[in-house]
Amino acid sequence: MSQGLILLVTVLFTAGLNTLAQTLLKLGAGKDLFNINVAGGLVAYGLSTILYITALSKLELSFAYPTIIGMTLIATVAVSTFFLGEIVSPLQWLGTLAIMGGIVLIYLAKMSHG
């Protein structure tokens, strides 16, 4: 597996674990402080932090952070809508699309400057 593909998988897994953590914390909120969902959310955050540090060892912070957080935001909105049944307004979807556009611009800028 190439170094670039490994890095892409690391970034995607980091965002995925962040999204999983947010979802589990939401499911555990309002219950006992320590429950299975909160515990799972904390574990997911811990694993995502380890992967994030790995990504930072290979990527610039100005690229890694907005990309991973942006991907987490997009995935969290999707999970909130399709799995948690939350209502996301058209304006929120427009904001999510704007974030997606921002990630694309950050990626294009990175590729044009090496």
C-alpha atoms as a PDB file:
ATOM      1  CA  MET A   1       0.000   0.000   0.000  1.00  0.00           C
ATOM      2  CA  SER A   2       1.419   3.403  -0.951  1.00  0.00           C
ATOM      3  CA  GLN A   3       2.264   6.050   1.640  1.00  0.00           C
ATOM      4  CA  GLY A   4      -0.357   8.407   0.164  1.00  0.00           C
ATOM      5  CA  LEU A   5      -3.101   5.796   0.418  1.00  0.00           C
ATOM      6  CA  ILE A   6      -2.135   4.968   3.994  1.00  0.00           C
ATOM      7  CA  LEU A   7      -2.329   8.668   4.872  1.00  0.00           C
ATOM      8  CA  LEU A   8      -5.751   9.015   3.194  1.00  0.00           C
ATOM      9  CA  VAL A   9      -7.068   6.016   5.120  1.00  0.00           C
ATOM     10  CA  THR A  10      -5.663   7.506   8.354  1.00  0.00           C
ATOM     11  CA  VAL A  11      -7.441  10.826   7.708  1.00  0.00           C
ATOM     12  CA  LEU A  12     -10.722   9.071   6.843  1.00  0.00           C
ATOM     13  CA  PHE A  13     -10.564   6.804   9.896  1.00  0.00           C
ATOM     14  CA  THR A  14      -9.770   9.773  12.130  1.00  0.00           C
ATOM     15  CA  ALA A  15     -12.850  11.637  10.881  1.00  0.00           C
ATOM     16  CA  GLY A  16     -14.920   8.459  11.131  1.00  0.00           C
ATOM     17  CA  LEU A  17     -13.878   7.823  14.721  1.00  0.00           C
ATOM     18  CA  ASN A  18     -14.597  11.463  15.606  1.00  0.00           C
ATOM     19  CA  THR A  19     -18.076  11.082  14.117  1.00  0.00           C
ATOM     20  CA  LEU A  20     -18.628   7.821  15.977  1.00  0.00           C
ATOM     21  CA  ALA A  21     -17.522   9.497  19.218  1.00  0.00           C
ATOM     22  CA  GLN A  22     -19.963  12.381  18.709  1.00  0.00           C
ATOM     23  CA  THR A  23     -22.795   9.977  17.962  1.00  0.00           C
ATOM     24  CA  LEU A  24     -22.116   7.762  20.963  1.00  0.00           C
ATOM     25  CA  LEU A  25     -21.826  10.757  23.281  1.00  0.00           C
ATOM     26  CA  LYS A  26     -25.176  12.029  21.991  1.00  0.00           C
ATOM     27  CA  LEU A  27     -26.775   8.629  22.604  1.00  0.00           C
ATOM     28  CA  GLY A  28     -25.317   8.529  26.118  1.00  0.00           C
ATOM     29  CA  ALA A  29     -26.175  12.125  27.030  1.00  0.00           C
ATOM     30  CA  GLY A  30     -28.836  12.665  29.689  1.00  0.00           C
ATOM     31  CA  LYS A  31     -28.235   9.287  31.301  1.00  0.00           C
ATOM     32  CA  ASP A  32     -25.834   8.322  34.051  1.00  0.00           C
ATOM     33  CA  LEU A  33     -22.553  10.134  33.497  1.00  0.00           C
ATOM     34  CA  PHE A  34     -20.763   6.886  32.736  1.00  0.00           C
ATOM     35  CA  ASN A  35     -22.721   4.546  30.513  1.00  0.00           C
ATOM     36  CA  ILE A  36     -21.810   2.271  27.620  1.00  0.00           C
ATOM     37  CA  ASN A  37     -22.381   4.962  25.003  1.00  0.00           C
ATOM     38  CA  VAL A  38     -20.304   7.572  26.802  1.00  0.00           C
ATOM     39  CA  ALA A  39     -17.564   5.006  27.415  1.00  0.00           C
ATOM     40  CA  GLY A  40     -17.619   4.033  23.743  1.00  0.00           C
ATOM     41  CA  GLY A  41     -17.474   7.680  22.729  1.00  0.00           C
ATOM     42  CA  LEU A  42     -14.438   8.271  24.909  1.00  0.00           C
ATOM     43  CA  VAL A  43     -12.692   5.207  23.477  1.00  0.00           C
ATOM     44  CA  ALA A  44     -13.466   6.384  19.930  1.00  0.00           C
ATOM     45  CA  TYR A  45     -12.028   9.820  20.767  1.00  0.00           C
ATOM     46  CA  GLY A  46      -8.905   8.231  22.187  1.00  0.00           C
ATOM     47  CA  LEU A  47      -8.353   6.135  19.065  1.00  0.00           C
ATOM     48  CA  SER A  48      -9.042   9.121  16.807  1.00  0.00           C
ATOM     49  CA  THR A  49      -6.480  11.148  18.738  1.00  0.00           C
ATOM     50  CA  ILE A  50      -3.832   8.496  18.164  1.00  0.00           C
ATOM     51  CA  LEU A  51      -4.627   8.450  14.427  1.00  0.00           C
ATOM     52  CA  TYR A  52      -4.674  12.264  14.330  1.00  0.00           C
ATOM     53  CA  ILE A  53      -1.178  12.413  15.818  1.00  0.00           C
ATOM     54  CA  THR A  54      -0.084   9.923  13.161  1.00  0.00           C
ATOM     55  CA  ALA A  55      -1.576  12.148  10.449  1.00  0.00           C
ATOM     56  CA  LEU A  56       0.138  15.215  11.940  1.00  0.00           C
ATOM     57  CA  SER A  57       3.488  13.476  11.690  1.00  0.00           C
ATOM     58  CA  LYS A  58       3.058  13.446   7.901  1.00  0.00           C
ATOM     59  CA  LEU A  59       0.829  16.473   7.152  1.00  0.00           C
ATOM     60  CA  GLU A  60       0.936  20.181   7.849  1.00  0.00           C
ATOM     61  CA  LEU A  61      -1.382  21.258  10.664  1.00  0.00           C
ATOM     62  CA  SER A  62      -2.984  23.879   8.398  1.00  0.00           C
ATOM     63  CA  PHE A  63      -4.062  21.058   6.076  1.00  0.00           C
ATOM     64  CA  ALA A  64      -4.762  18.205   8.505  1.00  0.00           C
ATOM     65  CA  TYR A  65      -6.920  20.017  11.047  1.00  0.00           C
ATOM     66  CA  PRO A  66      -9.431  21.749   8.745  1.00  0.00           C
ATOM     67  CA  THR A  67      -9.678  18.679   6.541  1.00  0.00           C
ATOM     68  CA  ILE A  68     -10.325  16.218   9.360  1.00  0.00           C
ATOM     69  CA  ILE A  69     -12.636  18.515  11.296  1.00  0.00           C
ATOM     70  CA  GLY A  70     -14.524  19.466   8.128  1.00  0.00           C
ATOM     71  CA  MET A  71     -14.984  15.816   7.205  1.00  0.00           C
ATOM     72  CA  THR A  72     -16.144  15.122  10.766  1.00  0.00           C
ATOM     73  CA  LEU A  73     -18.705  17.941  10.547  1.00  0.00           C
ATOM     74  CA  ILE A  74     -20.082  16.639   7.255  1.00  0.00           C
ATOM     75  CA  ALA A  75     -20.280  13.042   8.495  1.00  0.00           C
ATOM     76  CA  THR A  76     -21.870  14.130  11.785  1.00  0.00           C
ATOM     77  CA  VAL A  77     -24.637  16.029   9.988  1.00  0.00           C
ATOM     78  CA  ALA A  78     -25.293  12.974   7.801  1.00  0.00           C
ATOM     79  CA  VAL A  79     -25.371  10.585  10.788  1.00  0.00           C
ATOM     80  CA  SER A  80     -27.591  12.990  12.735  1.00  0.00           C
ATOM     81  CA  THR A  81     -30.061  13.044   9.875  1.00  0.00           C
ATOM     82  CA  PHE A  82     -30.082   9.459   8.665  1.00  0.00           C
ATOM     83  CA  PHE A  83     -29.441   7.511  11.878  1.00  0.00           C
ATOM     84  CA  LEU A  84     -30.603   9.758  14.712  1.00  0.00           C
ATOM     85  CA  GLY A  85     -33.624  11.158  12.860  1.00  0.00           C
ATOM     86  CA  GLU A  86     -32.714  14.788  13.487  1.00  0.00           C
ATOM     87  CA  ILE A  87     -34.217  17.415  11.225  1.00  0.00           C
ATOM     88  CA  VAL A  88     -31.548  19.380   9.365  1.00  0.00           C
ATOM     89  CA  SER A  89     -32.807  22.535   7.704  1.00  0.00           C
ATOM     90  CA  PRO A  90     -32.008  23.475   4.116  1.00  0.00           C
ATOM     91  CA  LEU A  91     -29.806  26.288   5.436  1.00  0.00           C
ATOM     92  CA  GLN A  92     -27.838  23.779   7.543  1.00  0.00           C
ATOM     93  CA  TRP A  93     -27.392  21.582   4.449  1.00  0.00           C
ATOM     94  CA  LEU A  94     -26.180  24.649   2.550  1.00  0.00           C
ATOM     95  CA  GLY A  95     -23.637  25.284   5.298  1.00  0.00           C
ATOM     96  CA  THR A  96     -22.546  21.654   5.092  1.00  0.00           C
ATOM     97  CA  LEU A  97     -22.079  22.029   1.335  1.00  0.00           C
ATOM     98  CA  ALA A  98     -20.021  25.162   1.966  1.00  0.00           C
ATOM     99  CA  ILE A  99     -17.789  23.179   4.319  1.00  0.00           C
ATOM    100  CA  MET A 100     -17.399  20.511   1.631  1.00  0.00           C
ATOM    101  CA  GLY A 101     -16.395  23.241  -0.817  1.00  0.00           C
ATOM    102  CA  GLY A 102     -13.872  24.566   1.674  1.00  0.00           C
ATOM    103  CA  ILE A 103     -12.283  21.133   2.045  1.00  0.00           C
ATOM    104  CA  VAL A 104     -11.990  20.855  -1.728  1.00  0.00           C
ATOM    105  CA  LEU A 105     -10.333  24.295  -1.893  1.00  0.00           C
ATOM    106  CA  ILE A 106      -7.877  23.394   0.889  1.00  0.00           C
ATOM    107  CA  TYR A 107      -7.028  20.167  -0.942  1.00  0.00           C
ATOM    108  CA  LEU A 108      -6.568  21.957  -4.284  1.00  0.00           C
ATOM    109  CA  ALA A 109      -4.357  24.595  -2.671  1.00  0.00           C
ATOM    110  CA  LYS A 110      -2.248  21.878  -1.069  1.00  0.00           C
ATOM    111  CA  MET A 111      -1.849  20.021  -4.347  1.00  0.00           C
ATOM    112  CA  SER A 112      -0.894  23.163  -6.283  1.00  0.00           C
ATOM    113  CA  HIS A 113       1.815  24.123  -3.752  1.00  0.00           C
ATOM    114  CA  GLY A 114       3.140  20.652  -3.006  1.00  0.00           C
END
